[in-house]
C-alpha atoms as a PDB file:
ATOM      1  CA  MET A   1       0.000   0.000   0.000  1.00  0.00           C
ATOM      2  CA  GLY A   2       1.270   3.502  -0.777  1.00  0.00           C
ATOM      3  CA  ARG A   3       1.748   6.413   1.515  1.00  0.00           C
ATOM      4  CA  PRO A   4      -1.140   7.522   3.701  1.00  0.00           C
ATOM      5  CA  SER A   5      -3.738   9.653   1.954  1.00  0.00           C
ATOM      6  CA  LYS A   6      -3.683  13.376   2.574  1.00  0.00           C
ATOM      7  CA  TYR A   7      -7.463  13.311   2.146  1.00  0.00           C
ATOM      8  CA  SER A   8      -9.785  12.195   4.939  1.00  0.00           C
ATOM      9  CA  GLU A   9     -12.140   9.275   4.444  1.00  0.00           C
ATOM     10  CA  GLU A  10     -15.057  11.697   4.766  1.00  0.00           C
ATOM     11  CA  PHE A  11     -13.674  13.943   2.007  1.00  0.00           C
ATOM     12  CA  ARG A  12     -13.146  10.941  -0.251  1.00  0.00           C
ATOM     13  CA  ALA A  13     -16.649   9.612   0.402  1.00  0.00           C
ATOM     14  CA  ASP A  14     -18.207  13.013  -0.280  1.00  0.00           C
ATOM     15  CA  ALA A  15     -16.206  13.397  -3.512  1.00  0.00           C
ATOM     16  CA  VAL A  16     -17.281   9.946  -4.706  1.00  0.00           C
ATOM     17  CA  ALA A  17     -20.914  10.648  -3.793  1.00  0.00           C
ATOM     18  CA  LEU A  18     -20.792  13.869  -5.793  1.00  0.00           C
ATOM     19  CA  VAL A  19     -19.607  12.019  -8.898  1.00  0.00           C
ATOM     20  CA  LEU A  20     -21.910   9.015  -8.488  1.00  0.00           C
ATOM     21  CA  SER A  21     -24.935  11.248  -8.009  1.00  0.00           C
ATOM     22  CA  LYS A  22     -24.284  12.430 -11.586  1.00  0.00           C
ATOM     23  CA  GLU A  23     -24.301  16.060 -10.463  1.00  0.00           C
ATOM     24  CA  ILE A  24     -20.977  16.631 -12.222  1.00  0.00           C
ATOM     25  CA  GLY A  25     -18.357  14.556 -13.996  1.00  0.00           C
ATOM     26  CA  ILE A  26     -15.046  13.378 -12.615  1.00  0.00           C
ATOM     27  CA  ALA A  27     -12.986  16.052 -14.376  1.00  0.00           C
ATOM     28  CA  GLN A  28     -15.163  18.924 -13.147  1.00  0.00           C
ATOM     29  CA  ALA A  29     -15.410  17.504  -9.616  1.00  0.00           C
ATOM     30  CA  ALA A  30     -11.643  17.073  -9.479  1.00  0.00           C
ATOM     31  CA  ARG A  31     -11.112  20.702 -10.560  1.00  0.00           C
ATOM     32  CA  ASP A  32     -13.668  21.973  -8.045  1.00  0.00           C
ATOM     33  CA  LEU A  33     -12.197  19.915  -5.197  1.00  0.00           C
ATOM     34  CA  GLY A  34      -8.526  20.452  -6.060  1.00  0.00           C
ATOM     35  CA  VAL A  35      -7.889  16.741  -6.558  1.00  0.00           C
ATOM     36  CA  ASN A  36      -6.043  15.055  -9.394  1.00  0.00           C
ATOM     37  CA  PRO A  37      -8.662  13.608 -11.791  1.00  0.00           C
ATOM     38  CA  GLU A  38      -6.955  10.208 -11.810  1.00  0.00           C
ATOM     39  CA  THR A  39      -7.026  10.127  -8.015  1.00  0.00           C
ATOM     40  CA  LEU A  40     -10.760  10.825  -8.007  1.00  0.00           C
ATOM     41  CA  ARG A  41     -11.297   8.290 -10.810  1.00  0.00           C
ATOM     42  CA  ASN A  42      -9.523   5.645  -8.673  1.00  0.00           C
ATOM     43  CA  TRP A  43     -11.703   6.504  -5.659  1.00  0.00           C
ATOM     44  CA  VAL A  44     -14.862   6.172  -7.750  1.00  0.00           C
ATOM     45  CA  LYS A  45     -13.677   2.888  -9.287  1.00  0.00           C
ATOM     46  CA  GLN A  46     -12.910   1.409  -5.846  1.00  0.00           C
ATOM     47  CA  ALA A  47     -16.232   2.639  -4.436  1.00  0.00           C
ATOM     48  CA  LYS A  48     -18.073   0.876  -7.255  1.00  0.00           C
ATOM     49  CA  ILE A  49     -16.142  -2.329  -6.543  1.00  0.00           C
ATOM     50  CA  ASP A  50     -16.954  -2.033  -2.830  1.00  0.00           C
ATOM     51  CA  ARG A  51     -20.657  -1.732  -3.746  1.00  0.00           C
ATOM     52  CA  GLY A  52     -20.522  -4.861  -5.900  1.00  0.00           C
ATOM     53  CA  LEU A  53     -20.620  -2.958  -9.180  1.00  0.00           C
ATOM     54  CA  GLY A  54     -17.068  -3.644 -10.310  1.00  0.00           C
ATOM     55  CA  PRO A  55     -15.647  -6.288 -12.610  1.00  0.00           C
ATOM     56  CA  VAL A  56     -15.773  -9.941 -11.592  1.00  0.00           C
ATOM     57  CA  GLY A  57     -12.853 -10.825  -9.354  1.00  0.00           C
ATOM     58  CA  ALA A  58     -12.025  -7.233  -8.365  1.00  0.00           C
ATOM     59  CA  LEU A  59     -11.075  -6.994  -4.706  1.00  0.00           C
ATOM     60  CA  THR A  60     -13.056  -4.820  -2.341  1.00  0.00           C
ATOM     61  CA  THR A  61     -11.179  -2.490  -0.009  1.00  0.00           C
ATOM     62  CA  ALA A  62     -11.663  -4.941   2.867  1.00  0.00           C
ATOM     63  CA  GLU A  63     -10.370  -7.847   0.778  1.00  0.00           C
ATOM     64  CA  ARG A  64      -7.343  -5.816  -0.340  1.00  0.00           C
ATOM     65  CA  GLU A  65      -6.469  -5.050   3.280  1.00  0.00           C
ATOM     66  CA  GLU A  66      -6.785  -8.708   4.288  1.00  0.00           C
ATOM     67  CA  SER A  67      -5.047 -10.305   1.303  1.00  0.00           C
ATOM     68  CA  PRO A  68      -1.428 -11.355   1.844  1.00  0.00           C
ATOM     69  CA  ASP A  69      -0.962 -11.058  -1.940  1.00  0.00           C
ATOM     70  CA  CYS A  70      -1.642  -7.311  -1.848  1.00  0.00           C
ATOM     71  CA  ALA A  71       0.751  -4.780  -0.389  1.00  0.00           C
ATOM     72  CA  GLY A  72      -1.816  -3.649   2.187  1.00  0.00           C
ATOM     73  CA  GLY A  73      -2.383  -7.185   3.395  1.00  0.00           C
ATOM     74  CA  LEU A  74       1.329  -7.842   3.421  1.00  0.00           C
ATOM     75  CA  LEU A  75       1.981  -4.770   5.538  1.00  0.00           C
ATOM     76  CA  SER A  76      -0.789  -5.789   7.943  1.00  0.00           C
ATOM     77  CA  SER A  77       0.747  -9.255   8.199  1.00  0.00           C
ATOM     78  CA  VAL A  78       4.196  -7.858   8.914  1.00  0.00           C
ATOM     79  CA  ALA A  79       2.842  -5.397  11.492  1.00  0.00           C
ATOM     80  CA  ALA A  80       0.998  -8.192  13.286  1.00  0.00           C
ATOM     81  CA  ALA A  81       4.126 -10.380  13.509  1.00  0.00           C
END
């Protein structure tokens, strides 16, 4: 897993909700919020996966954190040891 996010979970959730509500597109929301469009696109993609709307086999956030094959899971495993 990369470095900690400089954006709070609440900010991320609100940004994703804004895009998913179809009020504005990702590019406009990113400009308005001062976030890189690719960052916001990744948040939206992961939110859709977490809601069961992603591609088959895509890992939810919880699964990514638990999986020893993913960096996040690996770091959790190492921290627990």
